[in-house]
Amino acid sequence: MKLRALTLFASLSLAACGDSHPLAGSWSQETPDHKPGMSLSFETKEGGTRLQVHTAPDANDSHEHIHGTYTFDAATGAVSVDAELLGKGKPGKWTGKLADGHLELGAADTKLEFHQGKDPHGH
């Protein structure tokens, strides 16, 4: 019985440790008017490369899901994203940098900025 309790405690402790990848968690867009923008979630476990985007809420407080891929260079903080972040037909190749908990991505003449935090869409 003590062994079972110890095994359960160890399993829960490891699960609570979380992901230490710099891109782990949710990234919320910083908008000029401070309204909710898009949010990004990076697959960071076991060499993941997938990305999920929750678009900014529309007038009905609804949003779309966009899927893409990313690469990250831990040594330089360089990030590249392959996803149509601004919608269909808009730029799909983004590059940028992660520094001090701040992510900046750019494509053509558009720059997007994100900070790490709670998922504003609740999922």
PDB file of N, CA and C in Angstrom:
ATOM      1  N   MET A   1       0.821  -1.198   0.000  1.00  0.00           N
ATOM      2  CA  MET A   1       0.000   0.000   0.000  1.00  0.00           C
ATOM      3  C   MET A   1       0.865   1.261   0.000  1.00  0.00           C
ATOM      4  N   LYS A   2       1.933   1.245   0.825  1.00  0.00           N
ATOM      5  CA  LYS A   2       2.809   2.410   0.864  1.00  0.00           C
ATOM      6  C   LYS A   2       3.493   2.612  -0.476  1.00  0.00           C
ATOM      7  N   LEU A   3       3.865   1.518  -1.137  1.00  0.00           N
ATOM      8  CA  LEU A   3       4.510   1.608  -2.441  1.00  0.00           C
ATOM      9  C   LEU A   3       3.564   2.228  -3.472  1.00  0.00           C
ATOM     10  N   ARG A   4       2.289   1.834  -3.440  1.00  0.00           N
ATOM     11  CA  ARG A   4       1.306   2.423  -4.359  1.00  0.00           C
ATOM     12  C   ARG A   4       1.160   3.911  -4.124  1.00  0.00           C
ATOM     13  N   ALA A   5       1.069   4.314  -2.878  1.00  0.00           N
ATOM     14  CA  ALA A   5       0.925   5.730  -2.543  1.00  0.00           C
ATOM     15  C   ALA A   5       2.153   6.510  -2.997  1.00  0.00           C
ATOM     16  N   LEU A   6       3.338   5.940  -2.806  1.00  0.00           N
ATOM     17  CA  LEU A   6       4.568   6.594  -3.216  1.00  0.00           C
ATOM     18  C   LEU A   6       4.630   6.718  -4.739  1.00  0.00           C
ATOM     19  N   THR A   7       4.229   5.675  -5.454  1.00  0.00           N
ATOM     20  CA  THR A   7       4.214   5.700  -6.914  1.00  0.00           C
ATOM     21  C   THR A   7       3.230   6.753  -7.426  1.00  0.00           C
ATOM     22  N   LEU A   8       2.050   6.821  -6.844  1.00  0.00           N
ATOM     23  CA  LEU A   8       1.058   7.815  -7.232  1.00  0.00           C
ATOM     24  C   LEU A   8       1.588   9.218  -6.982  1.00  0.00           C
ATOM     25  N   PHE A   9       2.188   9.454  -5.832  1.00  0.00           N
ATOM     26  CA  PHE A   9       2.739  10.765  -5.499  1.00  0.00           C
ATOM     27  C   PHE A   9       3.820  11.153  -6.505  1.00  0.00           C
ATOM     28  N   ALA A  10       4.706  10.227  -6.851  1.00  0.00           N
ATOM     29  CA  ALA A  10       5.770  10.512  -7.808  1.00  0.00           C
ATOM     30  C   ALA A  10       5.193  10.851  -9.178  1.00  0.00           C
ATOM     31  N   SER A  11       4.169  10.135  -9.608  1.00  0.00           N
ATOM     32  CA  SER A  11       3.541  10.394 -10.902  1.00  0.00           C
ATOM     33  C   SER A  11       2.904  11.777 -10.940  1.00  0.00           C
ATOM     34  N   LEU A  12       2.187  12.131  -9.893  1.00  0.00           N
ATOM     35  CA  LEU A  12       1.553  13.452  -9.834  1.00  0.00           C
ATOM     36  C   LEU A  12       2.590  14.550  -9.765  1.00  0.00           C
ATOM     37  N   SER A  13       3.677  14.331  -9.049  1.00  0.00           N
ATOM     38  CA  SER A  13       4.732  15.333  -8.945  1.00  0.00           C
ATOM     39  C   SER A  13       5.359  15.600 -10.303  1.00  0.00           C
ATOM     40  N   LEU A  14       5.630  14.542 -11.060  1.00  0.00           N
ATOM     41  CA  LEU A  14       6.219  14.714 -12.381  1.00  0.00           C
ATOM     42  C   LEU A  14       5.248  15.411 -13.319  1.00  0.00           C
ATOM     43  N   ALA A  15       3.982  15.089 -13.240  1.00  0.00           N
ATOM     44  CA  ALA A  15       2.984  15.719 -14.107  1.00  0.00           C
ATOM     45  C   ALA A  15       2.854  17.199 -13.802  1.00  0.00           C
ATOM     46  N   ALA A  16       3.073  17.588 -12.559  1.00  0.00           N
ATOM     47  CA  ALA A  16       2.925  18.986 -12.170  1.00  0.00           C
ATOM     48  C   ALA A  16       4.128  19.824 -12.544  1.00  0.00           C
ATOM     49  N   CYS A  17       5.225  19.177 -12.915  1.00  0.00           N
ATOM     50  CA  CYS A  17       6.437  19.919 -13.239  1.00  0.00           C
ATOM     51  C   CYS A  17       6.239  20.842 -14.431  1.00  0.00           C
ATOM     52  N   GLY A  18       5.411  20.445 -15.370  1.00  0.00           N
ATOM     53  CA  GLY A  18       5.135  21.282 -16.513  1.00  0.00           C
ATOM     54  C   GLY A  18       6.217  21.189 -17.570  1.00  0.00           C
ATOM     55  N   ASP A  19       6.071  22.018 -18.575  1.00  0.00           N
ATOM     56  CA  ASP A  19       6.968  22.029 -19.720  1.00  0.00           C
ATOM     57  C   ASP A  19       7.902  23.225 -19.567  1.00  0.00           C
ATOM     58  N   SER A  20       9.199  22.991 -19.663  1.00  0.00           N
ATOM     59  CA  SER A  20      10.159  24.071 -19.478  1.00  0.00           C
ATOM     60  C   SER A  20      10.595  24.696 -20.800  1.00  0.00           C
ATOM     61  N   HIS A  21      10.007  24.295 -21.917  1.00  0.00           N
ATOM     62  CA  HIS A  21      10.334  24.878 -23.219  1.00  0.00           C
ATOM     63  C   HIS A  21       9.970  26.365 -23.194  1.00  0.00           C
ATOM     64  N   PRO A  22      10.821  27.236 -23.732  1.00  0.00           N
ATOM     65  CA  PRO A  22      10.534  28.678 -23.701  1.00  0.00           C
ATOM     66  C   PRO A  22       9.231  29.091 -24.387  1.00  0.00           C
ATOM     67  N   LEU A  23       8.732  28.292 -25.332  1.00  0.00           N
ATOM     68  CA  LEU A  23       7.485  28.631 -26.017  1.00  0.00           C
ATOM     69  C   LEU A  23       6.263  27.944 -25.416  1.00  0.00           C
ATOM     70  N   ALA A  24       6.447  27.200 -24.328  1.00  0.00           N
ATOM     71  CA  ALA A  24       5.328  26.490 -23.702  1.00  0.00           C
ATOM     72  C   ALA A  24       4.273  27.472 -23.202  1.00  0.00           C
ATOM     73  N   GLY A  25       3.045  27.017 -23.194  1.00  0.00           N
ATOM     74  CA  GLY A  25       1.946  27.847 -22.703  1.00  0.00           C
ATOM     75  C   GLY A  25       1.267  28.590 -23.833  1.00  0.00           C
ATOM     76  N   SER A  26       0.463  29.540 -23.466  1.00  0.00           N
ATOM     77  CA  SER A  26      -0.294  30.326 -24.435  1.00  0.00           C
ATOM     78  C   SER A  26       0.368  31.690 -24.614  1.00  0.00           C
ATOM     79  N   TRP A  27       0.345  32.184 -25.833  1.00  0.00           N
ATOM     80  CA  TRP A  27       0.918  33.487 -26.172  1.00  0.00           C
ATOM     81  C   TRP A  27      -0.197  34.382 -26.688  1.00  0.00           C
ATOM     82  N   SER A  28      -0.432  35.511 -26.029  1.00  0.00           N
ATOM     83  CA  SER A  28      -1.515  36.426 -26.381  1.00  0.00           C
ATOM     84  C   SER A  28      -0.973  37.611 -27.169  1.00  0.00           C
ATOM     85  N   GLN A  29      -1.684  37.959 -28.222  1.00  0.00           N
ATOM     86  CA  GLN A  29      -1.277  39.083 -29.055  1.00  0.00           C
ATOM     87  C   GLN A  29      -1.426  40.388 -28.286  1.00  0.00           C
ATOM     88  N   GLU A  30      -0.446  41.249 -28.438  1.00  0.00           N
ATOM     89  CA  GLU A  30      -0.502  42.598 -27.880  1.00  0.00           C
ATOM     90  C   GLU A  30      -1.038  43.505 -28.976  1.00  0.00           C
ATOM     91  N   THR A  31      -2.220  44.066 -28.758  1.00  0.00           N
ATOM     92  CA  THR A  31      -2.841  44.924 -29.762  1.00  0.00           C
ATOM     93  C   THR A  31      -2.733  46.383 -29.332  1.00  0.00           C
ATOM     94  N   PRO A  32      -2.679  47.314 -30.296  1.00  0.00           N
ATOM     95  CA  PRO A  32      -2.547  48.733 -29.957  1.00  0.00           C
ATOM     96  C   PRO A  32      -3.695  49.264 -29.090  1.00  0.00           C
ATOM     97  N   ASP A  33      -4.898  48.711 -29.282  1.00  0.00           N
ATOM     98  CA  ASP A  33      -6.055  49.195 -28.513  1.00  0.00           C
ATOM     99  C   ASP A  33      -6.332  48.339 -27.270  1.00  0.00           C
ATOM    100  N   HIS A  34      -5.445  47.398 -26.976  1.00  0.00           N
ATOM    101  CA  HIS A  34      -5.540  46.509 -25.806  1.00  0.00           C
ATOM    102  C   HIS A  34      -6.774  45.609 -25.819  1.00  0.00           C
ATOM    103  N   LYS A  35      -7.392  45.447 -26.985  1.00  0.00           N
ATOM    104  CA  LYS A  35      -8.501  44.504 -27.113  1.00  0.00           C
ATOM    105  C   LYS A  35      -7.926  43.111 -27.310  1.00  0.00           C
ATOM    106  N   PRO A  36      -8.707  42.066 -27.001  1.00  0.00           N
ATOM    107  CA  PRO A  36      -8.208  40.701 -27.206  1.00  0.00           C
ATOM    108  C   PRO A  36      -7.841  40.460 -28.665  1.00  0.00           C
ATOM    109  N   GLY A  37      -6.676  39.881 -28.866  1.00  0.00           N
ATOM    110  CA  GLY A  37      -6.226  39.543 -30.205  1.00  0.00           C
ATOM    111  C   GLY A  37      -6.141  38.034 -30.343  1.00  0.00           C
ATOM    112  N   MET A  38      -5.311  37.591 -31.257  1.00  0.00           N
ATOM    113  CA  MET A  38      -5.149  36.148 -31.440  1.00  0.00           C
ATOM    114  C   MET A  38      -4.281  35.579 -30.329  1.00  0.00           C
ATOM    115  N   SER A  39      -4.321  34.269 -30.182  1.00  0.00           N
ATOM    116  CA  SER A  39      -3.423  33.602 -29.248  1.00  0.00           C
ATOM    117  C   SER A  39      -2.793  32.407 -29.960  1.00  0.00           C
ATOM    118  N   LEU A  40      -1.564  32.106 -29.556  1.00  0.00           N
ATOM    119  CA  LEU A  40      -0.796  31.024 -30.144  1.00  0.00           C
ATOM    120  C   LEU A  40      -0.500  29.976 -29.089  1.00  0.00           C
ATOM    121  N   SER A  41      -0.542  28.715 -29.476  1.00  0.00           N
ATOM    122  CA  SER A  41      -0.136  27.604 -28.616  1.00  0.00           C
ATOM    123  C   SER A  41       0.804  26.725 -29.416  1.00  0.00           C
ATOM    124  N   PHE A  42       2.014  26.552 -28.899  1.00  0.00           N
ATOM    125  CA  PHE A  42       3.036  25.766 -29.572  1.00  0.00           C
ATOM    126  C   PHE A  42       3.107  24.372 -28.975  1.00  0.00           C
ATOM    127  N   GLU A  43       3.185  23.356 -29.822  1.00  0.00           N
ATOM    128  CA  GLU A  43       3.427  21.993 -29.361  1.00  0.00           C
ATOM    129  C   GLU A  43       4.920  21.932 -29.020  1.00  0.00           C
ATOM    130  N   THR A  44       5.240  21.730 -27.746  1.00  0.00           N
ATOM    131  CA  THR A  44       6.634  21.837 -27.326  1.00  0.00           C
ATOM    132  C   THR A  44       7.221  20.546 -26.773  1.00  0.00           C
ATOM    133  N   LYS A  45       6.427  19.534 -26.594  1.00  0.00           N
ATOM    134  CA  LYS A  45       6.943  18.287 -26.028  1.00  0.00           C
ATOM    135  C   LYS A  45       7.445  17.363 -27.120  1.00  0.00           C
ATOM    136  N   GLU A  46       8.533  16.655 -26.817  1.00  0.00           N
ATOM    137  CA  GLU A  46       9.087  15.630 -27.702  1.00  0.00           C
ATOM    138  C   GLU A  46       9.362  16.146 -29.109  1.00  0.00           C
ATOM    139  N   GLY A  47       9.967  17.308 -29.209  1.00  0.00           N
ATOM    140  CA  GLY A  47      10.357  17.830 -30.515  1.00  0.00           C
ATOM    141  C   GLY A  47       9.210  18.278 -31.387  1.00  0.00           C
ATOM    142  N   GLY A  48       8.103  18.652 -30.801  1.00  0.00           N
ATOM    143  CA  GLY A  48       6.927  19.056 -31.559  1.00  0.00           C
ATOM    144  C   GLY A  48       7.195  20.256 -32.445  1.00  0.00           C
ATOM    145  N   THR A  49       6.444  20.346 -33.528  1.00  0.00           N
ATOM    146  CA  THR A  49       6.573  21.462 -34.463  1.00  0.00           C
ATOM    147  C   THR A  49       5.230  22.071 -34.838  1.00  0.00           C
ATOM    148  N   ARG A  50       4.161  21.581 -34.222  1.00  0.00           N
ATOM    149  CA  ARG A  50       2.828  22.078 -34.589  1.00  0.00           C
ATOM    150  C   ARG A  50       2.467  23.324 -33.782  1.00  0.00           C
ATOM    151  N   LEU A  51       1.608  24.117 -34.381  1.00  0.00           N
ATOM    152  CA  LEU A  51       1.149  25.371 -33.800  1.00  0.00           C
ATOM    153  C   LEU A  51      -0.359  25.455 -33.971  1.00  0.00           C
ATOM    154  N   GLN A  52      -1.046  25.926 -32.933  1.00  0.00           N
ATOM    155  CA  GLN A  52      -2.480  26.194 -33.050  1.00  0.00           C
ATOM    156  C   GLN A  52      -2.700  27.669 -32.762  1.00  0.00           C
ATOM    157  N   VAL A  53      -3.514  28.289 -33.597  1.00  0.00           N
ATOM    158  CA  VAL A  53      -3.822  29.712 -33.476  1.00  0.00           C
ATOM    159  C   VAL A  53      -5.310  29.865 -33.225  1.00  0.00           C
ATOM    160  N   HIS A  54      -5.647  30.677 -32.243  1.00  0.00           N
ATOM    161  CA  HIS A  54      -7.027  31.106 -32.022  1.00  0.00           C
ATOM    162  C   HIS A  54      -7.071  32.534 -32.543  1.00  0.00           C
ATOM    163  N   THR A  55      -7.863  32.784 -33.579  1.00  0.00           N
ATOM    164  CA  THR A  55      -7.926  34.132 -34.134  1.00  0.00           C
ATOM    165  C   THR A  55      -8.565  35.090 -33.128  1.00  0.00           C
ATOM    166  N   ALA A  56      -8.410  36.366 -33.389  1.00  0.00           N
ATOM    167  CA  ALA A  56      -9.033  37.379 -32.530  1.00  0.00           C
ATOM    168  C   ALA A  56     -10.550  37.204 -32.569  1.00  0.00           C
ATOM    169  N   PRO A  57     -11.219  37.472 -31.447  1.00  0.00           N
ATOM    170  CA  PRO A  57     -12.685  37.340 -31.424  1.00  0.00           C
ATOM    171  C   PRO A  57     -13.347  38.286 -32.438  1.00  0.00           C
ATOM    172  N   ASP A  58     -14.398  37.798 -33.101  1.00  0.00           N
ATOM    173  CA  ASP A  58     -15.143  38.644 -34.031  1.00  0.00           C
ATOM    174  C   ASP A  58     -16.266  39.364 -33.282  1.00  0.00           C
ATOM    175  N   ALA A  59     -17.150  40.015 -34.006  1.00  0.00           N
ATOM    176  CA  ALA A  59     -18.238  40.791 -33.395  1.00  0.00           C
ATOM    177  C   ALA A  59     -19.171  39.923 -32.555  1.00  0.00           C
ATOM    178  N   ASN A  60     -19.254  38.621 -32.872  1.00  0.00           N
ATOM    179  CA  ASN A  60     -20.111  37.703 -32.116  1.00  0.00           C
ATOM    180  C   ASN A  60     -19.350  36.994 -30.999  1.00  0.00           C
ATOM    181  N   ASP A  61     -18.135  37.440 -30.725  1.00  0.00           N
ATOM    182  CA  ASP A  61     -17.252  36.849 -29.719  1.00  0.00           C
ATOM    183  C   ASP A  61     -16.879  35.407 -30.065  1.00  0.00           C
ATOM    184  N   SER A  62     -16.851  35.107 -31.356  1.00  0.00           N
ATOM    185  CA  SER A  62     -16.447  33.801 -31.846  1.00  0.00           C
ATOM    186  C   SER A  62     -15.059  33.933 -32.452  1.00  0.00           C
ATOM    187  N   HIS A  63     -14.393  32.811 -32.652  1.00  0.00           N
ATOM    188  CA  HIS A  63     -13.063  32.851 -33.273  1.00  0.00           C
ATOM    189  C   HIS A  63     -12.828  31.580 -34.081  1.00  0.00           C
ATOM    190  N   GLU A  64     -11.833  31.635 -34.946  1.00  0.00           N
ATOM    191  CA  GLU A  64     -11.459  30.501 -35.784  1.00  0.00           C
ATOM    192  C   GLU A  64     -10.206  29.843 -35.227  1.00  0.00           C
ATOM    193  N   HIS A  65      -9.966  28.609 -35.651  1.00  0.00           N
ATOM    194  CA  HIS A  65      -8.733  27.895 -35.318  1.00  0.00           C
ATOM    195  C   HIS A  65      -7.925  27.726 -36.600  1.00  0.00           C
ATOM    196  N   ILE A  66      -6.667  28.080 -36.532  1.00  0.00           N
ATOM    197  CA  ILE A  66      -5.744  27.923 -37.650  1.00  0.00           C
ATOM    198  C   ILE A  66      -4.617  27.019 -37.165  1.00  0.00           C
ATOM    199  N   HIS A  67      -4.207  26.106 -38.016  1.00  0.00           N
ATOM    200  CA  HIS A  67      -3.117  25.199 -37.662  1.00  0.00           C
ATOM    201  C   HIS A  67      -1.920  25.463 -38.563  1.00  0.00           C
ATOM    202  N   GLY A  68      -0.741  25.316 -38.000  1.00  0.00           N
ATOM    203  CA  GLY A  68       0.472  25.519 -38.767  1.00  0.00           C
ATOM    204  C   GLY A  68       1.636  24.799 -38.113  1.00  0.00           C
ATOM    205  N   THR A  69       2.829  25.163 -38.537  1.00  0.00           N
ATOM    206  CA  THR A  69       4.041  24.578 -37.981  1.00  0.00           C
ATOM    207  C   THR A  69       5.001  25.702 -37.605  1.00  0.00           C
ATOM    208  N   TYR A  70       6.012  25.330 -36.819  1.00  0.00           N
ATOM    209  CA  TYR A  70       7.010  26.322 -36.412  1.00  0.00           C
ATOM    210  C   TYR A  70       8.361  25.651 -36.223  1.00  0.00           C
ATOM    211  N   THR A  71       9.400  26.486 -36.214  1.00  0.00           N
ATOM    212  CA  THR A  71      10.732  26.055 -35.802  1.00  0.00           C
ATOM    213  C   THR A  71      11.224  27.052 -34.767  1.00  0.00           C
ATOM    214  N   PHE A  72      12.095  26.582 -33.890  1.00  0.00           N
ATOM    215  CA  PHE A  72      12.638  27.435 -32.838  1.00  0.00           C
ATOM    216  C   PHE A  72      14.099  27.092 -32.633  1.00  0.00           C
ATOM    217  N   ASP A  73      14.950  28.108 -32.606  1.00  0.00           N
ATOM    218  CA  ASP A  73      16.372  27.936 -32.332  1.00  0.00           C
ATOM    219  C   ASP A  73      16.631  28.465 -30.928  1.00  0.00           C
ATOM    220  N   ALA A  74      16.829  27.557 -29.978  1.00  0.00           N
ATOM    221  CA  ALA A  74      17.001  27.947 -28.580  1.00  0.00           C
ATOM    222  C   ALA A  74      18.247  28.796 -28.367  1.00  0.00           C
ATOM    223  N   ALA A  75      19.268  28.596 -29.165  1.00  0.00           N
ATOM    224  CA  ALA A  75      20.522  29.340 -28.993  1.00  0.00           C
ATOM    225  C   ALA A  75      20.362  30.825 -29.335  1.00  0.00           C
ATOM    226  N   THR A  76      19.559  31.123 -30.356  1.00  0.00           N
ATOM    227  CA  THR A  76      19.411  32.517 -30.799  1.00  0.00           C
ATOM    228  C   THR A  76      18.049  33.121 -30.468  1.00  0.00           C
ATOM    229  N   GLY A  77      17.066  32.275 -30.157  1.00  0.00           N
ATOM    230  CA  GLY A  77      15.704  32.749 -29.924  1.00  0.00           C
ATOM    231  C   GLY A  77      14.925  32.943 -31.212  1.00  0.00           C
ATOM    232  N   ALA A  78      15.518  32.573 -32.352  1.00  0.00           N
ATOM    233  CA  ALA A  78      14.845  32.752 -33.643  1.00  0.00           C
ATOM    234  C   ALA A  78      13.646  31.809 -33.760  1.00  0.00           C
ATOM    235  N   VAL A  79      12.541  32.354 -34.257  1.00  0.00           N
ATOM    236  CA  VAL A  79      11.305  31.594 -34.445  1.00  0.00           C
ATOM    237  C   VAL A  79      10.830  31.801 -35.876  1.00  0.00           C
ATOM    238  N   SER A  80      10.394  30.728 -36.514  1.00  0.00           N
ATOM    239  CA  SER A  80       9.728  30.858 -37.811  1.00  0.00           C
ATOM    240  C   SER A  80       8.397  30.129 -37.713  1.00  0.00           C
ATOM    241  N   VAL A  81       7.385  30.708 -38.320  1.00  0.00           N
ATOM    242  CA  VAL A  81       6.030  30.159 -38.279  1.00  0.00           C
ATOM    243  C   VAL A  81       5.506  30.054 -39.698  1.00  0.00           C
ATOM    244  N   ASP A  82       4.904  28.917 -39.996  1.00  0.00           N
ATOM    245  CA  ASP A  82       4.266  28.702 -41.288  1.00  0.00           C
ATOM    246  C   ASP A  82       2.779  28.514 -41.039  1.00  0.00           C
ATOM    247  N   ALA A  83       2.031  29.614 -41.076  1.00  0.00           N
ATOM    248  CA  ALA A  83       0.576  29.611 -40.859  1.00  0.00           C
ATOM    249  C   ALA A  83       0.021  30.954 -41.314  1.00  0.00           C
ATOM    250  N   GLU A  84      -1.174  30.941 -41.865  1.00  0.00           N
ATOM    251  CA  GLU A  84      -1.827  32.178 -42.304  1.00  0.00           C
ATOM    252  C   GLU A  84      -2.463  32.857 -41.082  1.00  0.00           C
ATOM    253  N   LEU A  85      -1.631  33.512 -40.286  1.00  0.00           N
ATOM    254  CA  LEU A  85      -2.080  34.081 -39.015  1.00  0.00           C
ATOM    255  C   LEU A  85      -3.176  35.122 -39.178  1.00  0.00           C
ATOM    256  N   LEU A  86      -3.171  35.838 -40.294  1.00  0.00           N
ATOM    257  CA  LEU A  86      -4.159  36.899 -40.500  1.00  0.00           C
ATOM    258  C   LEU A  86      -5.327  36.464 -41.369  1.00  0.00           C
ATOM    259  N   GLY A  87      -5.388  35.164 -41.687  1.00  0.00           N
ATOM    260  CA  GLY A  87      -6.504  34.641 -42.466  1.00  0.00           C
ATOM    261  C   GLY A  87      -6.071  34.127 -43.822  1.00  0.00           C
ATOM    262  N   LYS A  88      -7.007  33.481 -44.495  1.00  0.00           N
ATOM    263  CA  LYS A  88      -6.733  32.874 -45.802  1.00  0.00           C
ATOM    264  C   LYS A  88      -6.259  33.928 -46.800  1.00  0.00           C
ATOM    265  N   GLY A  89      -5.227  33.581 -47.552  1.00  0.00           N
ATOM    266  CA  GLY A  89      -4.700  34.478 -48.565  1.00  0.00           C
ATOM    267  C   GLY A  89      -3.761  35.541 -48.027  1.00  0.00           C
ATOM    268  N   LYS A  90      -3.589  35.595 -46.729  1.00  0.00           N
ATOM    269  CA  LYS A  90      -2.682  36.571 -46.111  1.00  0.00           C
ATOM    270  C   LYS A  90      -1.320  35.914 -45.925  1.00  0.00           C
ATOM    271  N   PRO A  91      -0.307  36.669 -45.520  1.00  0.00           N
ATOM    272  CA  PRO A  91       1.026  36.073 -45.364  1.00  0.00           C
ATOM    273  C   PRO A  91       1.003  34.795 -44.523  1.00  0.00           C
ATOM    274  N   GLY A  92       1.775  33.797 -44.989  1.00  0.00           N
ATOM    275  CA  GLY A  92       1.827  32.519 -44.300  1.00  0.00           C
ATOM    276  C   GLY A  92       3.200  32.188 -43.750  1.00  0.00           C
ATOM    277  N   LYS A  93       4.198  32.961 -44.095  1.00  0.00           N
ATOM    278  CA  LYS A  93       5.567  32.748 -43.605  1.00  0.00           C
ATOM    279  C   LYS A  93       5.944  33.910 -42.699  1.00  0.00           C
ATOM    280  N   TRP A  94       6.198  33.591 -41.427  1.00  0.00           N
ATOM    281  CA  TRP A  94       6.518  34.598 -40.419  1.00  0.00           C
ATOM    282  C   TRP A  94       7.860  34.256 -39.783  1.00  0.00           C
ATOM    283  N   THR A  95       8.649  35.267 -39.501  1.00  0.00           N
ATOM    284  CA  THR A  95       9.909  35.055 -38.790  1.00  0.00           C
ATOM    285  C   THR A  95      10.003  36.076 -37.669  1.00  0.00           C
ATOM    286  N   GLY A  96      10.741  35.722 -36.643  1.00  0.00           N
ATOM    287  CA  GLY A  96      10.880  36.642 -35.532  1.00  0.00           C
ATOM    288  C   GLY A  96      11.799  36.111 -34.468  1.00  0.00           C
ATOM    289  N   LYS A  97      11.600  36.633 -33.264  1.00  0.00           N
ATOM    290  CA  LYS A  97      12.508  36.314 -32.180  1.00  0.00           C
ATOM    291  C   LYS A  97      11.756  36.292 -30.848  1.00  0.00           C
ATOM    292  N   LEU A  98      12.217  35.395 -29.993  1.00  0.00           N
ATOM    293  CA  LEU A  98      11.723  35.307 -28.622  1.00  0.00           C
ATOM    294  C   LEU A  98      12.807  35.879 -27.717  1.00  0.00           C
ATOM    295  N   ALA A  99      12.440  36.846 -26.897  1.00  0.00           N
ATOM    296  CA  ALA A  99      13.387  37.438 -25.957  1.00  0.00           C
ATOM    297  C   ALA A  99      12.631  37.968 -24.749  1.00  0.00           C
ATOM    298  N   ASP A 100      13.095  37.621 -23.563  1.00  0.00           N
ATOM    299  CA  ASP A 100      12.528  38.129 -22.309  1.00  0.00           C
ATOM    300  C   ASP A 100      11.020  37.961 -22.207  1.00  0.00           C
ATOM    301  N   GLY A 101      10.501  36.778 -22.584  1.00  0.00           N
ATOM    302  CA  GLY A 101       9.067  36.505 -22.473  1.00  0.00           C
ATOM    303  C   GLY A 101       8.226  37.262 -23.473  1.00  0.00           C
ATOM    304  N   HIS A 102       8.851  37.769 -24.519  1.00  0.00           N
ATOM    305  CA  HIS A 102       8.171  38.553 -25.537  1.00  0.00           C
ATOM    306  C   HIS A 102       8.479  37.932 -26.895  1.00  0.00           C
ATOM    307  N   LEU A 103       7.446  37.671 -27.692  1.00  0.00           N
ATOM    308  CA  LEU A 103       7.604  37.068 -29.004  1.00  0.00           C
ATOM    309  C   LEU A 103       7.183  38.069 -30.063  1.00  0.00           C
ATOM    310  N   GLU A 104       8.050  38.289 -31.025  1.00  0.00           N
ATOM    311  CA  GLU A 104       7.744  39.189 -32.139  1.00  0.00           C
ATOM    312  C   GLU A 104       7.847  38.401 -33.433  1.00  0.00           C
ATOM    313  N   LEU A 105       6.812  38.507 -34.281  1.00  0.00           N
ATOM    314  CA  LEU A 105       6.784  37.830 -35.572  1.00  0.00           C
ATOM    315  C   LEU A 105       6.494  38.860 -36.659  1.00  0.00           C
ATOM    316  N   GLY A 106       7.159  38.729 -37.793  1.00  0.00           N
ATOM    317  CA  GLY A 106       6.934  39.657 -38.890  1.00  0.00           C
ATOM    318  C   GLY A 106       6.814  38.937 -40.220  1.00  0.00           C
ATOM    319  N   ALA A 107       6.032  39.529 -41.116  1.00  0.00           N
ATOM    320  CA  ALA A 107       5.882  39.062 -42.488  1.00  0.00           C
ATOM    321  C   ALA A 107       5.584  40.293 -43.338  1.00  0.00           C
ATOM    322  N   ALA A 108       6.331  40.439 -44.421  1.00  0.00           N
ATOM    323  CA  ALA A 108       6.190  41.609 -45.295  1.00  0.00           C
ATOM    324  C   ALA A 108       6.300  42.871 -44.434  1.00  0.00           C
ATOM    325  N   ASP A 109       5.283  43.714 -44.446  1.00  0.00           N
ATOM    326  CA  ASP A 109       5.341  44.941 -43.642  1.00  0.00           C
ATOM    327  C   ASP A 109       4.482  44.865 -42.381  1.00  0.00           C
ATOM    328  N   THR A 110       4.131  43.662 -41.959  1.00  0.00           N
ATOM    329  CA  THR A 110       3.283  43.464 -40.780  1.00  0.00           C
ATOM    330  C   THR A 110       4.098  42.880 -39.637  1.00  0.00           C
ATOM    331  N   LYS A 111       3.942  43.453 -38.461  1.00  0.00           N
ATOM    332  CA  LYS A 111       4.618  42.953 -37.270  1.00  0.00           C
ATOM    333  C   LYS A 111       3.563  42.620 -36.217  1.00  0.00           C
ATOM    334  N   LEU A 112       3.688  41.438 -35.609  1.00  0.00           N
ATOM    335  CA  LEU A 112       2.795  41.011 -34.536  1.00  0.00           C
ATOM    336  C   LEU A 112       3.629  40.793 -33.281  1.00  0.00           C
ATOM    337  N   GLU A 113       3.079  41.191 -32.146  1.00  0.00           N
ATOM    338  CA  GLU A 113       3.776  41.024 -30.876  1.00  0.00           C
ATOM    339  C   GLU A 113       2.895  40.242 -29.912  1.00  0.00           C
ATOM    340  N   PHE A 114       3.537  39.361 -29.119  1.00  0.00           N
ATOM    341  CA  PHE A 114       2.832  38.470 -28.196  1.00  0.00           C
ATOM    342  C   PHE A 114       3.561  38.436 -26.861  1.00  0.00           C
ATOM    343  N   HIS A 115       2.789  38.189 -25.812  1.00  0.00           N
ATOM    344  CA  HIS A 115       3.383  37.923 -24.498  1.00  0.00           C
ATOM    345  C   HIS A 115       2.811  36.613 -23.971  1.00  0.00           C
ATOM    346  N   GLN A 116       3.587  35.981 -23.132  1.00  0.00           N
ATOM    347  CA  GLN A 116       3.171  34.694 -22.579  1.00  0.00           C
ATOM    348  C   GLN A 116       2.147  34.933 -21.481  1.00  0.00           C
ATOM    349  N   GLY A 117       1.101  34.122 -21.480  1.00  0.00           N
ATOM    350  CA  GLY A 117       0.072  34.296 -20.456  1.00  0.00           C
ATOM    351  C   GLY A 117      -1.056  33.314 -20.618  1.00  0.00           C
ATOM    352  N   LYS A 118      -2.139  33.604 -19.953  1.00  0.00           N
ATOM    353  CA  LYS A 118      -3.323  32.740 -19.951  1.00  0.00           C
ATOM    354  C   LYS A 118      -4.012  32.794 -21.320  1.00  0.00           C
ATOM    355  N   ASP A 119      -4.561  31.654 -21.741  1.00  0.00           N
ATOM    356  CA  ASP A 119      -5.297  31.582 -22.993  1.00  0.00           C
ATOM    357  C   ASP A 119      -6.584  32.398 -22.864  1.00  0.00           C
ATOM    358  N   PRO A 120      -6.704  33.504 -23.612  1.00  0.00           N
ATOM    359  CA  PRO A 120      -7.900  34.345 -23.481  1.00  0.00           C
ATOM    360  C   PRO A 120      -9.163  33.674 -23.979  1.00  0.00           C
ATOM    361  N   HIS A 121      -9.043  32.574 -24.731  1.00  0.00           N
ATOM    362  CA  HIS A 121     -10.216  31.896 -25.275  1.00  0.00           C
ATOM    363  C   HIS A 121     -10.692  30.754 -24.374  1.00  0.00           C
ATOM    364  N   GLY A 122      -9.950  30.478 -23.312  1.00  0.00           N
ATOM    365  CA  GLY A 122     -10.390  29.498 -22.325  1.00  0.00           C
ATOM    366  C   GLY A 122     -10.270  28.038 -22.724  1.00  0.00           C
ATOM    367  N   HIS A 123      -9.539  27.750 -23.787  1.00  0.00           N
ATOM    368  CA  HIS A 123      -9.316  26.337 -24.173  1.00  0.00           C
ATOM    369  C   HIS A 123      -8.043  26.193 -24.968  1.00  0.00           C
TER     370      HIS A 123
END
